[in-house]
PDB file of N, CA and C in Angstrom:
ATOM      1  N   MET A   1       4.203  15.115  -2.496  1.00  0.00           N
ATOM      2  CA  MET A   1       3.916  13.726  -2.181  1.00  0.00           C
ATOM      3  C   MET A   1       2.597  13.352  -2.863  1.00  0.00           C
ATOM      4  N   ASN A   2       2.606  12.285  -3.634  1.00  0.00           N
ATOM      5  CA  ASN A   2       1.418  11.815  -4.334  1.00  0.00           C
ATOM      6  C   ASN A   2       0.741  10.709  -3.539  1.00  0.00           C
ATOM      7  N   GLU A   3      -0.592  10.660  -3.631  1.00  0.00           N
ATOM      8  CA  GLU A   3      -1.365   9.615  -2.958  1.00  0.00           C
ATOM      9  C   GLU A   3      -2.258   8.914  -3.972  1.00  0.00           C
ATOM     10  N   LEU A   4      -2.435   7.619  -3.765  1.00  0.00           N
ATOM     11  CA  LEU A   4      -3.303   6.812  -4.610  1.00  0.00           C
ATOM     12  C   LEU A   4      -4.042   5.849  -3.692  1.00  0.00           C
ATOM     13  N   ILE A   5      -5.369   5.789  -3.802  1.00  0.00           N
ATOM     14  CA  ILE A   5      -6.151   4.859  -2.996  1.00  0.00           C
ATOM     15  C   ILE A   5      -6.620   3.722  -3.897  1.00  0.00           C
ATOM     16  N   VAL A   6      -6.328   2.484  -3.468  1.00  0.00           N
ATOM     17  CA  VAL A   6      -6.672   1.302  -4.255  1.00  0.00           C
ATOM     18  C   VAL A   6      -7.351   0.270  -3.355  1.00  0.00           C
ATOM     19  N   SER A   7      -8.101  -0.628  -3.978  1.00  0.00           N
ATOM     20  CA  SER A   7      -8.718  -1.716  -3.232  1.00  0.00           C
ATOM     21  C   SER A   7      -7.666  -2.785  -2.943  1.00  0.00           C
ATOM     22  N   LYS A   8      -8.019  -3.687  -2.060  1.00  0.00           N
ATOM     23  CA  LYS A   8      -7.098  -4.777  -1.722  1.00  0.00           C
ATOM     24  C   LYS A   8      -6.744  -5.584  -2.975  1.00  0.00           C
ATOM     25  N   GLN A   9      -7.752  -5.882  -3.813  1.00  0.00           N
ATOM     26  CA  GLN A   9      -7.508  -6.661  -5.029  1.00  0.00           C
ATOM     27  C   GLN A   9      -6.615  -5.903  -6.004  1.00  0.00           C
ATOM     28  N   GLN A  10      -6.823  -4.582  -6.120  1.00  0.00           N
ATOM     29  CA  GLN A  10      -5.971  -3.777  -6.998  1.00  0.00           C
ATOM     30  C   GLN A  10      -4.529  -3.781  -6.504  1.00  0.00           C
ATOM     31  N   LEU A  11      -4.346  -3.703  -5.191  1.00  0.00           N
ATOM     32  CA  LEU A  11      -3.003  -3.723  -4.622  1.00  0.00           C
ATOM     33  C   LEU A  11      -2.309  -5.048  -4.919  1.00  0.00           C
ATOM     34  N   ILE A  12      -3.029  -6.132  -4.733  1.00  0.00           N
ATOM     35  CA  ILE A  12      -2.468  -7.456  -5.045  1.00  0.00           C
ATOM     36  C   ILE A  12      -2.072  -7.527  -6.515  1.00  0.00           C
ATOM     37  N   GLN A  13      -2.944  -7.022  -7.398  1.00  0.00           N
ATOM     38  CA  GLN A  13      -2.664  -7.030  -8.831  1.00  0.00           C
ATOM     39  C   GLN A  13      -1.441  -6.183  -9.165  1.00  0.00           C
ATOM     40  N   MET A  14      -1.263  -5.063  -8.465  1.00  0.00           N
ATOM     41  CA  MET A  14      -0.097  -4.209  -8.706  1.00  0.00           C
ATOM     42  C   MET A  14       1.201  -4.935  -8.360  1.00  0.00           C
ATOM     43  N   PHE A  15       1.187  -5.740  -7.298  1.00  0.00           N
ATOM     44  CA  PHE A  15       2.371  -6.542  -6.964  1.00  0.00           C
ATOM     45  C   PHE A  15       2.578  -7.650  -7.996  1.00  0.00           C
ATOM     46  N   GLU A  16       1.498  -8.320  -8.416  1.00  0.00           N
ATOM     47  CA  GLU A  16       1.612  -9.398  -9.403  1.00  0.00           C
ATOM     48  C   GLU A  16       2.121  -8.877 -10.745  1.00  0.00           C
ATOM     49  N   ASP A  17       1.679  -7.679 -11.133  1.00  0.00           N
ATOM     50  CA  ASP A  17       2.097  -7.083 -12.406  1.00  0.00           C
ATOM     51  C   ASP A  17       3.423  -6.338 -12.302  1.00  0.00           C
ATOM     52  N   LYS A  18       4.014  -6.379 -11.095  1.00  0.00           N
ATOM     53  CA  LYS A  18       5.297  -5.728 -10.814  1.00  0.00           C
ATOM     54  C   LYS A  18       5.256  -4.214 -11.014  1.00  0.00           C
ATOM     55  N   ILE A  19       4.063  -3.629 -10.813  1.00  0.00           N
ATOM     56  CA  ILE A  19       3.949  -2.169 -10.777  1.00  0.00           C
ATOM     57  C   ILE A  19       4.551  -1.674  -9.470  1.00  0.00           C
ATOM     58  N   ILE A  20       4.311  -2.434  -8.398  1.00  0.00           N
ATOM     59  CA  ILE A  20       4.978  -2.209  -7.117  1.00  0.00           C
ATOM     60  C   ILE A  20       5.900  -3.398  -6.877  1.00  0.00           C
ATOM     61  N   VAL A  21       7.138  -3.116  -6.522  1.00  0.00           N
ATOM     62  CA  VAL A  21       8.147  -4.154  -6.335  1.00  0.00           C
ATOM     63  C   VAL A  21       8.693  -4.063  -4.913  1.00  0.00           C
ATOM     64  N   ASP A  22       8.862  -5.201  -4.273  1.00  0.00           N
ATOM     65  CA  ASP A  22       9.480  -5.253  -2.950  1.00  0.00           C
ATOM     66  C   ASP A  22      10.976  -5.470  -3.147  1.00  0.00           C
ATOM     67  N   SER A  23      11.780  -4.453  -2.828  1.00  0.00           N
ATOM     68  CA  SER A  23      13.224  -4.543  -3.029  1.00  0.00           C
ATOM     69  C   SER A  23      13.923  -5.253  -1.875  1.00  0.00           C
ATOM     70  N   GLY A  24      13.166  -5.584  -0.828  1.00  0.00           N
ATOM     71  CA  GLY A  24      13.767  -6.162   0.359  1.00  0.00           C
ATOM     72  C   GLY A  24      14.053  -5.102   1.416  1.00  0.00           C
ATOM     73  N   LYS A  25      14.189  -3.860   0.980  1.00  0.00           N
ATOM     74  CA  LYS A  25      14.420  -2.748   1.906  1.00  0.00           C
ATOM     75  C   LYS A  25      13.281  -1.732   1.854  1.00  0.00           C
ATOM     76  N   ALA A  26      12.555  -1.712   0.727  1.00  0.00           N
ATOM     77  CA  ALA A  26      11.462  -0.756   0.551  1.00  0.00           C
ATOM     78  C   ALA A  26      10.570  -1.235  -0.581  1.00  0.00           C
ATOM     79  N   TRP A  27       9.357  -0.674  -0.644  1.00  0.00           N
ATOM     80  CA  TRP A  27       8.491  -0.917  -1.791  1.00  0.00           C
ATOM     81  C   TRP A  27       8.769   0.173  -2.813  1.00  0.00           C
ATOM     82  N   LEU A  28       8.879  -0.211  -4.074  1.00  0.00           N
ATOM     83  CA  LEU A  28       9.170   0.741  -5.143  1.00  0.00           C
ATOM     84  C   LEU A  28       8.046   0.745  -6.173  1.00  0.00           C
ATOM     85  N   MET A  29       7.671   1.944  -6.601  1.00  0.00           N
ATOM     86  CA  MET A  29       6.698   2.123  -7.676  1.00  0.00           C
ATOM     87  C   MET A  29       7.253   3.216  -8.576  1.00  0.00           C
ATOM     88  N   ASN A  30       7.455   2.901  -9.842  1.00  0.00           N
ATOM     89  CA  ASN A  30       8.072   3.846 -10.779  1.00  0.00           C
ATOM     90  C   ASN A  30       9.427   4.329 -10.269  1.00  0.00           C
ATOM     91  N   ASN A  31      10.191   3.398  -9.695  1.00  0.00           N
ATOM     92  CA  ASN A  31      11.525   3.683  -9.158  1.00  0.00           C
ATOM     93  C   ASN A  31      11.523   4.706  -8.032  1.00  0.00           C
ATOM     94  N   LYS A  32      10.378   4.864  -7.352  1.00  0.00           N
ATOM     95  CA  LYS A  32      10.285   5.741  -6.189  1.00  0.00           C
ATOM     96  C   LYS A  32       9.807   4.915  -5.006  1.00  0.00           C
ATOM     97  N   ILE A  33      10.320   5.249  -3.824  1.00  0.00           N
ATOM     98  CA  ILE A  33       9.908   4.551  -2.606  1.00  0.00           C
ATOM     99  C   ILE A  33       8.480   4.966  -2.257  1.00  0.00           C
ATOM    100  N   VAL A  34       7.655   3.972  -1.912  1.00  0.00           N
ATOM    101  CA  VAL A  34       6.282   4.253  -1.508  1.00  0.00           C
ATOM    102  C   VAL A  34       5.985   3.604  -0.162  1.00  0.00           C
ATOM    103  N   ASP A  35       5.063   4.214   0.570  1.00  0.00           N
ATOM    104  CA  ASP A  35       4.498   3.629   1.778  1.00  0.00           C
ATOM    105  C   ASP A  35       3.113   3.128   1.422  1.00  0.00           C
ATOM    106  N   ILE A  36       2.707   2.008   2.012  1.00  0.00           N
ATOM    107  CA  ILE A  36       1.367   1.465   1.809  1.00  0.00           C
ATOM    108  C   ILE A  36       0.680   1.469   3.163  1.00  0.00           C
ATOM    109  N   ILE A  37      -0.431   2.191   3.245  1.00  0.00           N
ATOM    110  CA  ILE A  37      -1.143   2.366   4.507  1.00  0.00           C
ATOM    111  C   ILE A  37      -2.539   1.773   4.383  1.00  0.00           C
ATOM    112  N   ALA A  38      -2.892   0.896   5.321  1.00  0.00           N
ATOM    113  CA  ALA A  38      -4.221   0.288   5.334  1.00  0.00           C
ATOM    114  C   ALA A  38      -5.246   1.326   5.774  1.00  0.00           C
ATOM    115  N   ILE A  39      -6.386   1.352   5.087  1.00  0.00           N
ATOM    116  CA  ILE A  39      -7.490   2.237   5.455  1.00  0.00           C
ATOM    117  C   ILE A  39      -8.608   1.348   5.994  1.00  0.00           C
ATOM    118  N   HIS A  40      -8.944   1.552   7.266  1.00  0.00           N
ATOM    119  CA  HIS A  40      -9.944   0.715   7.923  1.00  0.00           C
ATOM    120  C   HIS A  40     -11.229   1.487   8.180  1.00  0.00           C
ATOM    121  N   GLU A  41     -12.327   0.742   8.241  1.00  0.00           N
ATOM    122  CA  GLU A  41     -13.622   1.336   8.527  1.00  0.00           C
ATOM    123  C   GLU A  41     -13.903   1.365  10.023  1.00  0.00           C
ATOM    124  N   VAL A  42     -13.060   0.713  10.823  1.00  0.00           N
ATOM    125  CA  VAL A  42     -13.225   0.684  12.277  1.00  0.00           C
ATOM    126  C   VAL A  42     -11.956   1.201  12.923  1.00  0.00           C
ATOM    127  N   ASP A  43     -12.038   1.490  14.189  1.00  0.00           N
ATOM    128  CA  ASP A  43     -10.895   1.997  14.942  1.00  0.00           C
ATOM    129  C   ASP A  43      -9.777   0.953  14.959  1.00  0.00           C
ATOM    130  N   PRO A  44      -8.567   1.306  14.487  1.00  0.00           N
ATOM    131  CA  PRO A  44      -7.468   0.335  14.400  1.00  0.00           C
ATOM    132  C   PRO A  44      -7.106  -0.356  15.711  1.00  0.00           C
ATOM    133  N   LYS A  45      -7.374   0.269  16.855  1.00  0.00           N
ATOM    134  CA  LYS A  45      -6.988  -0.370  18.108  1.00  0.00           C
ATOM    135  C   LYS A  45      -7.789  -1.647  18.364  1.00  0.00           C
ATOM    136  N   PHE A  46      -8.905  -1.831  17.640  1.00  0.00           N
ATOM    137  CA  PHE A  46      -9.709  -3.036  17.790  1.00  0.00           C
ATOM    138  C   PHE A  46      -9.377  -4.102  16.744  1.00  0.00           C
ATOM    139  N   LEU A  47      -8.475  -3.789  15.838  1.00  0.00           N
ATOM    140  CA  LEU A  47      -8.128  -4.726  14.767  1.00  0.00           C
ATOM    141  C   LEU A  47      -7.024  -5.675  15.205  1.00  0.00           C
ATOM    142  N   GLN A  48      -7.129  -6.893  14.751  1.00  0.00           N
ATOM    143  CA  GLN A  48      -6.074  -7.852  15.040  1.00  0.00           C
ATOM    144  C   GLN A  48      -5.210  -8.120  13.817  1.00  0.00           C
ATOM    145  N   ASP A  49      -5.753  -7.913  12.622  1.00  0.00           N
ATOM    146  CA  ASP A  49      -5.014  -8.204  11.397  1.00  0.00           C
ATOM    147  C   ASP A  49      -5.121  -7.008  10.462  1.00  0.00           C
ATOM    148  N   ILE A  50      -4.056  -6.221  10.338  1.00  0.00           N
ATOM    149  CA  ILE A  50      -4.107  -5.017   9.513  1.00  0.00           C
ATOM    150  C   ILE A  50      -4.121  -5.318   8.019  1.00  0.00           C
ATOM    151  N   THR A  51      -3.907  -6.562   7.634  1.00  0.00           N
ATOM    152  CA  THR A  51      -3.920  -6.908   6.211  1.00  0.00           C
ATOM    153  C   THR A  51      -5.327  -7.101   5.682  1.00  0.00           C
ATOM    154  N   ASN A  52      -6.348  -7.015   6.530  1.00  0.00           N
ATOM    155  CA  ASN A  52      -7.717  -7.228   6.085  1.00  0.00           C
ATOM    156  C   ASN A  52      -8.461  -5.937   5.779  1.00  0.00           C
ATOM    157  N   ALA A  53      -7.772  -4.874   5.466  1.00  0.00           N
ATOM    158  CA  ALA A  53      -8.433  -3.633   5.073  1.00  0.00           C
ATOM    159  C   ALA A  53      -9.021  -3.794   3.682  1.00  0.00           C
ATOM    160  N   LYS A  54     -10.090  -3.046   3.399  1.00  0.00           N
ATOM    161  CA  LYS A  54     -10.693  -3.096   2.066  1.00  0.00           C
ATOM    162  C   LYS A  54      -9.964  -2.185   1.095  1.00  0.00           C
ATOM    163  N   PHE A  55      -9.358  -1.106   1.625  1.00  0.00           N
ATOM    164  CA  PHE A  55      -8.662  -0.148   0.780  1.00  0.00           C
ATOM    165  C   PHE A  55      -7.305   0.193   1.382  1.00  0.00           C
ATOM    166  N   TYR A  56      -6.396   0.587   0.508  1.00  0.00           N
ATOM    167  CA  TYR A  56      -5.040   0.951   0.920  1.00  0.00           C
ATOM    168  C   TYR A  56      -4.654   2.262   0.253  1.00  0.00           C
ATOM    169  N   LYS A  57      -3.885   3.072   0.967  1.00  0.00           N
ATOM    170  CA  LYS A  57      -3.376   4.322   0.411  1.00  0.00           C
ATOM    171  C   LYS A  57      -1.898   4.115   0.104  1.00  0.00           C
ATOM    172  N   ILE A  58      -1.518   4.418  -1.118  1.00  0.00           N
ATOM    173  CA  ILE A  58      -0.115   4.333  -1.538  1.00  0.00           C
ATOM    174  C   ILE A  58       0.407   5.761  -1.618  1.00  0.00           C
ATOM    175  N   ILE A  59       1.463   6.044  -0.867  1.00  0.00           N
ATOM    176  CA  ILE A  59       2.020   7.387  -0.794  1.00  0.00           C
ATOM    177  C   ILE A  59       3.454   7.357  -1.298  1.00  0.00           C
ATOM    178  N   THR A  60       3.739   8.196  -2.293  1.00  0.00           N
ATOM    179  CA  THR A  60       5.102   8.329  -2.788  1.00  0.00           C
ATOM    180  C   THR A  60       5.892   9.202  -1.820  1.00  0.00           C
ATOM    181  N   LYS A  61       7.033   8.686  -1.383  1.00  0.00           N
ATOM    182  CA  LYS A  61       7.868   9.433  -0.429  1.00  0.00           C
ATOM    183  C   LYS A  61       8.822  10.348  -1.189  1.00  0.00           C
ATOM    184  N   ASP A  62       8.953  11.561  -0.693  1.00  0.00           N
ATOM    185  CA  ASP A  62       9.932  12.499  -1.256  1.00  0.00           C
ATOM    186  C   ASP A  62      11.281  12.220  -0.638  1.00  0.00           C
ATOM    187  N   LEU A  63      12.294  12.117  -1.462  1.00  0.00           N
ATOM    188  CA  LEU A  63      13.646  11.856  -0.961  1.00  0.00           C
ATOM    189  C   LEU A  63      14.485  13.108  -0.983  1.00  0.00           C
TER     190      LEU A  63
END
Protein backbone atom coordinates (compact mmCIF):
# COMPACT_ATOMS: atom_id res chain seq x y z
CA MET A 1 0.00 0.00 0.00
CA ASN A 2 1.47 3.36 -1.05
CA GLU A 3 0.93 6.62 0.84
CA LEU A 4 1.26 10.20 -0.34
CA ILE A 5 0.77 13.29 1.84
CA VAL A 6 -0.37 16.45 0.05
CA SER A 7 -1.62 19.89 1.04
CA LYS A 8 -5.23 20.88 0.57
CA GLN A 9 -4.28 23.02 -2.46
CA GLN A 10 -2.29 20.15 -4.00
CA LEU A 11 -5.27 17.83 -3.55
CA ILE A 12 -7.59 20.31 -5.24
CA GLN A 13 -5.09 20.66 -8.10
CA MET A 14 -4.90 16.86 -8.48
CA PHE A 15 -8.69 16.73 -8.98
CA GLU A 16 -8.61 19.70 -11.41
CA ASP A 17 -5.80 18.08 -13.43
CA LYS A 18 -7.68 14.76 -13.35
CA ILE A 19 -4.79 12.99 -11.61
CA ILE A 20 -7.45 11.83 -9.16
CA VAL A 21 -10.85 11.09 -10.68
CA ASP A 22 -14.17 10.55 -8.91
CA SER A 23 -15.81 7.59 -10.66
CA GLY A 24 -19.00 7.95 -8.64
CA LYS A 25 -18.18 4.77 -6.72
CA ALA A 26 -14.54 5.42 -5.76
CA TRP A 27 -11.65 7.82 -6.22
CA LEU A 28 -9.14 6.62 -8.81
CA MET A 29 -5.49 7.57 -9.23
CA ASN A 30 -3.47 5.83 -11.95
CA ASN A 31 -6.43 3.46 -12.41
CA LYS A 32 -6.16 2.32 -8.78
CA ILE A 33 -8.68 2.95 -6.01
CA VAL A 34 -7.44 5.39 -3.38
CA ASP A 35 -8.66 6.55 0.01
CA ILE A 36 -8.22 10.21 0.99
CA ILE A 37 -7.78 10.80 4.71
CA ALA A 38 -7.77 14.24 6.33
CA ILE A 39 -4.81 14.92 8.64
CA HIS A 40 -5.74 17.31 11.44
CA GLU A 41 -3.63 19.17 13.97
CA VAL A 42 -6.36 18.86 16.63
CA ASP A 43 -8.38 15.99 18.01
CA PRO A 44 -11.01 15.05 15.36
CA LYS A 45 -13.80 14.74 17.93
CA PHE A 46 -13.70 18.54 18.28
CA LEU A 47 -13.91 19.19 14.53
CA GLN A 48 -17.11 20.13 12.81
CA ASP A 49 -15.87 20.21 9.21
CA ILE A 50 -13.39 17.52 8.14
CA THR A 51 -12.78 19.26 4.81
CA ASN A 52 -10.76 22.01 6.53
CA ALA A 53 -7.62 19.95 7.10
CA LYS A 54 -4.32 21.46 5.95
CA PHE A 55 -2.96 18.12 4.73
CA TYR A 56 -4.42 14.91 3.34
CA LYS A 57 -3.03 11.39 3.06
CA ILE A 58 -3.77 9.52 -0.16
CA ILE A 59 -3.54 5.75 0.25
CA THR A 60 -3.59 3.32 -2.65
CA LYS A 61 -5.81 0.35 -1.80
CA ASP A 62 -4.65 -3.16 -2.63
CA LEU A 63 -7.30 -5.16 -4.44
